[in-house]
Amino acid sequence: MMDAVDIKNRASVRIRYAETDKMGVVYNSNYFIFFEVGRVELMRSYGMQYSDLEKAGYYLPLVESYAKYINSAYYDDYLEIEVMLKWDFKPILKFEYSIYRNDELITTGFTTHCFMSTKTMKPVRPPKVFVDSIVKFKKQRDILS
């Protein structure tokens, strides 16, 4: 078994009017959409796209989610989403998020996902296509270090 791997990435969003409430504040459920933006871009950074996973016969359903709202974000704010995946090659993935406006922390949170077969709709071990993308990323990163 390989050592655990830490992968970090950043993505950004600009707040649209439709994402705010009557007070002009970003509506709370939108942070989970921002988490998804960060998670998708993190996966893309190590060569894995959700569509690749689905074509290979796997889903990555949400098992648990949490957000802590620290400061408000508003219409037209530019937010940076920092995402961290610490993965130890087990069937569960936990992504951790920090969202910033400039250097001000707005929100933190996490989402936990498991691998699921599209055929049986039951949890499965991490698929080879996913493991291979992580191993390749880790090797490339180790070479550059």
Protein backbone atom coordinates (compact mmCIF):
# COMPACT_ATOMS: atom_id res chain seq x y z
CA MET A 1 0.00 0.00 0.00
CA MET A 2 1.28 3.45 -0.88
CA ASP A 3 1.73 6.26 1.60
CA ALA A 4 -1.11 8.73 1.97
CA VAL A 5 -1.11 11.56 -0.51
CA ASP A 6 -2.01 15.21 0.07
CA ILE A 7 -3.31 17.15 -2.90
CA LYS A 8 -4.14 20.84 -2.78
CA ASN A 9 -5.63 23.11 -5.41
CA ARG A 10 -7.34 26.47 -5.80
CA ALA A 11 -10.30 27.54 -7.90
CA SER A 12 -12.23 30.77 -8.06
CA VAL A 13 -15.77 32.03 -8.50
CA ARG A 14 -17.31 35.47 -8.90
CA ILE A 15 -20.60 35.84 -7.06
CA ARG A 16 -23.57 36.32 -9.37
CA TYR A 17 -26.70 38.20 -8.34
CA ALA A 18 -28.75 34.99 -8.49
CA GLU A 19 -26.54 33.48 -5.75
CA THR A 20 -27.52 36.13 -3.20
CA ASP A 21 -30.55 36.51 -0.97
CA LYS A 22 -32.74 39.57 -0.36
CA MET A 23 -30.03 41.01 1.93
CA GLY A 24 -27.43 40.78 -0.85
CA VAL A 25 -25.56 38.02 0.99
CA VAL A 26 -24.59 34.73 -0.67
CA TYR A 27 -27.31 32.23 0.17
CA ASN A 28 -25.91 29.49 2.44
CA SER A 29 -26.55 26.47 0.19
CA ASN A 30 -24.46 28.04 -2.59
CA TYR A 31 -21.30 27.33 -0.60
CA PHE A 32 -21.80 23.63 -1.31
CA ILE A 33 -21.89 24.48 -5.03
CA PHE A 34 -18.62 26.40 -4.54
CA PHE A 35 -17.22 23.34 -2.76
CA GLU A 36 -18.13 21.29 -5.85
CA VAL A 37 -16.36 23.79 -8.12
CA GLY A 38 -13.23 23.40 -5.99
CA ARG A 39 -13.50 19.62 -5.81
CA VAL A 40 -13.96 19.21 -9.57
CA GLU A 41 -10.97 21.45 -10.28
CA LEU A 42 -8.86 19.59 -7.71
CA MET A 43 -9.69 16.27 -9.38
CA ARG A 44 -8.92 17.78 -12.78
CA SER A 45 -5.52 18.92 -11.44
CA TYR A 46 -4.44 15.30 -10.95
CA GLY A 47 -5.90 14.07 -14.23
CA MET A 48 -9.28 12.76 -13.12
CA GLN A 49 -12.63 14.12 -14.22
CA TYR A 50 -16.00 13.04 -12.88
CA SER A 51 -17.01 12.10 -16.42
CA ASP A 52 -13.99 9.73 -16.65
CA LEU A 53 -15.01 8.09 -13.40
CA GLU A 54 -18.61 7.68 -14.58
CA LYS A 55 -17.51 6.27 -17.97
CA ALA A 56 -15.47 3.70 -16.04
CA GLY A 57 -18.63 2.68 -14.13
CA TYR A 58 -18.32 4.59 -10.86
CA TYR A 59 -20.05 7.38 -8.97
CA LEU A 60 -18.68 9.43 -6.12
CA PRO A 61 -21.80 10.18 -4.05
CA LEU A 62 -21.84 12.57 -1.15
CA VAL A 63 -21.96 10.85 2.23
CA GLU A 64 -21.49 13.80 4.58
CA SER A 65 -21.13 17.58 4.29
CA TYR A 66 -20.44 20.46 6.64
CA ALA A 67 -19.93 24.20 6.33
CA LYS A 68 -18.97 26.81 8.91
CA TYR A 69 -19.97 30.33 7.90
CA ILE A 70 -17.40 32.79 9.26
CA ASN A 71 -18.00 35.96 7.21
CA SER A 72 -20.49 36.95 4.54
CA ALA A 73 -19.82 37.13 0.83
CA TYR A 74 -21.75 39.49 -1.45
CA TYR A 75 -22.71 40.07 -5.06
CA ASP A 76 -19.69 40.49 -7.36
CA ASP A 77 -17.19 39.30 -4.73
CA TYR A 78 -14.32 37.28 -6.16
CA LEU A 79 -13.79 34.19 -4.02
CA GLU A 80 -10.87 31.77 -3.94
CA ILE A 81 -11.71 28.18 -3.05
CA GLU A 82 -8.84 26.22 -1.54
CA VAL A 83 -9.35 22.46 -1.51
CA MET A 84 -7.30 19.75 0.16
CA LEU A 85 -7.60 16.01 -0.29
CA LYS A 86 -5.65 13.82 2.13
CA TRP A 87 -6.16 10.33 0.77
CA ASP A 88 -4.84 7.06 2.21
CA PHE A 89 -6.13 4.81 -0.63
CA LYS A 90 -9.28 3.81 1.29
CA PRO A 91 -12.81 3.81 -0.20
CA ILE A 92 -13.71 7.13 1.48
CA LEU A 93 -12.56 10.54 0.22
CA LYS A 94 -12.72 13.60 2.44
CA PHE A 95 -12.25 16.97 0.77
CA GLU A 96 -11.58 19.98 3.02
CA TYR A 97 -12.40 23.51 1.87
CA SER A 98 -11.48 27.07 2.81
CA ILE A 99 -13.08 29.94 0.91
CA TYR A 100 -11.43 33.38 0.92
CA ARG A 101 -12.25 36.87 -0.28
CA ASN A 102 -8.81 38.40 -0.72
CA ASP A 103 -7.13 37.13 2.47
CA GLU A 104 -10.31 37.09 4.56
CA LEU A 105 -11.60 33.64 5.47
CA ILE A 106 -15.29 33.39 4.57
CA THR A 107 -16.21 29.73 4.98
CA THR A 108 -14.63 26.40 5.86
CA GLY A 109 -16.08 22.95 5.45
CA PHE A 110 -15.74 19.45 4.15
CA THR A 111 -17.48 16.85 2.05
CA THR A 112 -17.05 13.11 2.36
CA HIS A 113 -17.64 10.79 -0.59
CA CYS A 114 -17.47 7.05 -1.28
CA PHE A 115 -16.96 5.11 -4.47
CA MET A 116 -20.10 3.44 -5.82
CA SER A 117 -20.61 1.09 -8.75
CA THR A 118 -23.01 2.47 -11.37
CA LYS A 119 -24.23 -1.10 -11.99
CA THR A 120 -24.94 -2.26 -8.44
CA MET A 121 -25.36 1.17 -6.79
CA LYS A 122 -23.35 -0.22 -3.87
CA PRO A 123 -20.10 1.06 -2.33
CA VAL A 124 -16.91 -0.39 -3.79
CA ARG A 125 -13.17 -0.16 -3.33
CA PRO A 126 -11.36 2.70 -5.06
CA PRO A 127 -11.38 1.91 -8.79
CA LYS A 128 -8.14 1.35 -10.67
CA VAL A 129 -8.75 4.38 -12.92
CA PHE A 130 -8.86 6.62 -9.85
CA VAL A 131 -5.91 5.01 -8.08
CA ASP A 132 -3.82 5.18 -11.26
CA SER A 133 -4.47 8.92 -11.65
CA ILE A 134 -3.39 9.55 -8.04
CA VAL A 135 -0.27 7.37 -8.38
CA LYS A 136 0.72 9.13 -11.61
CA PHE A 137 0.20 12.55 -10.00
CA LYS A 138 2.20 11.53 -6.92
CA LYS A 139 5.11 10.24 -9.04
CA GLN A 140 5.20 13.42 -11.14
CA ARG A 141 5.11 15.57 -8.01
CA ASP A 142 7.87 13.51 -6.37
CA ILE A 143 10.05 13.92 -9.47
CA LEU A 144 9.62 17.69 -9.34
CA SER A 145 10.39 17.86 -5.62
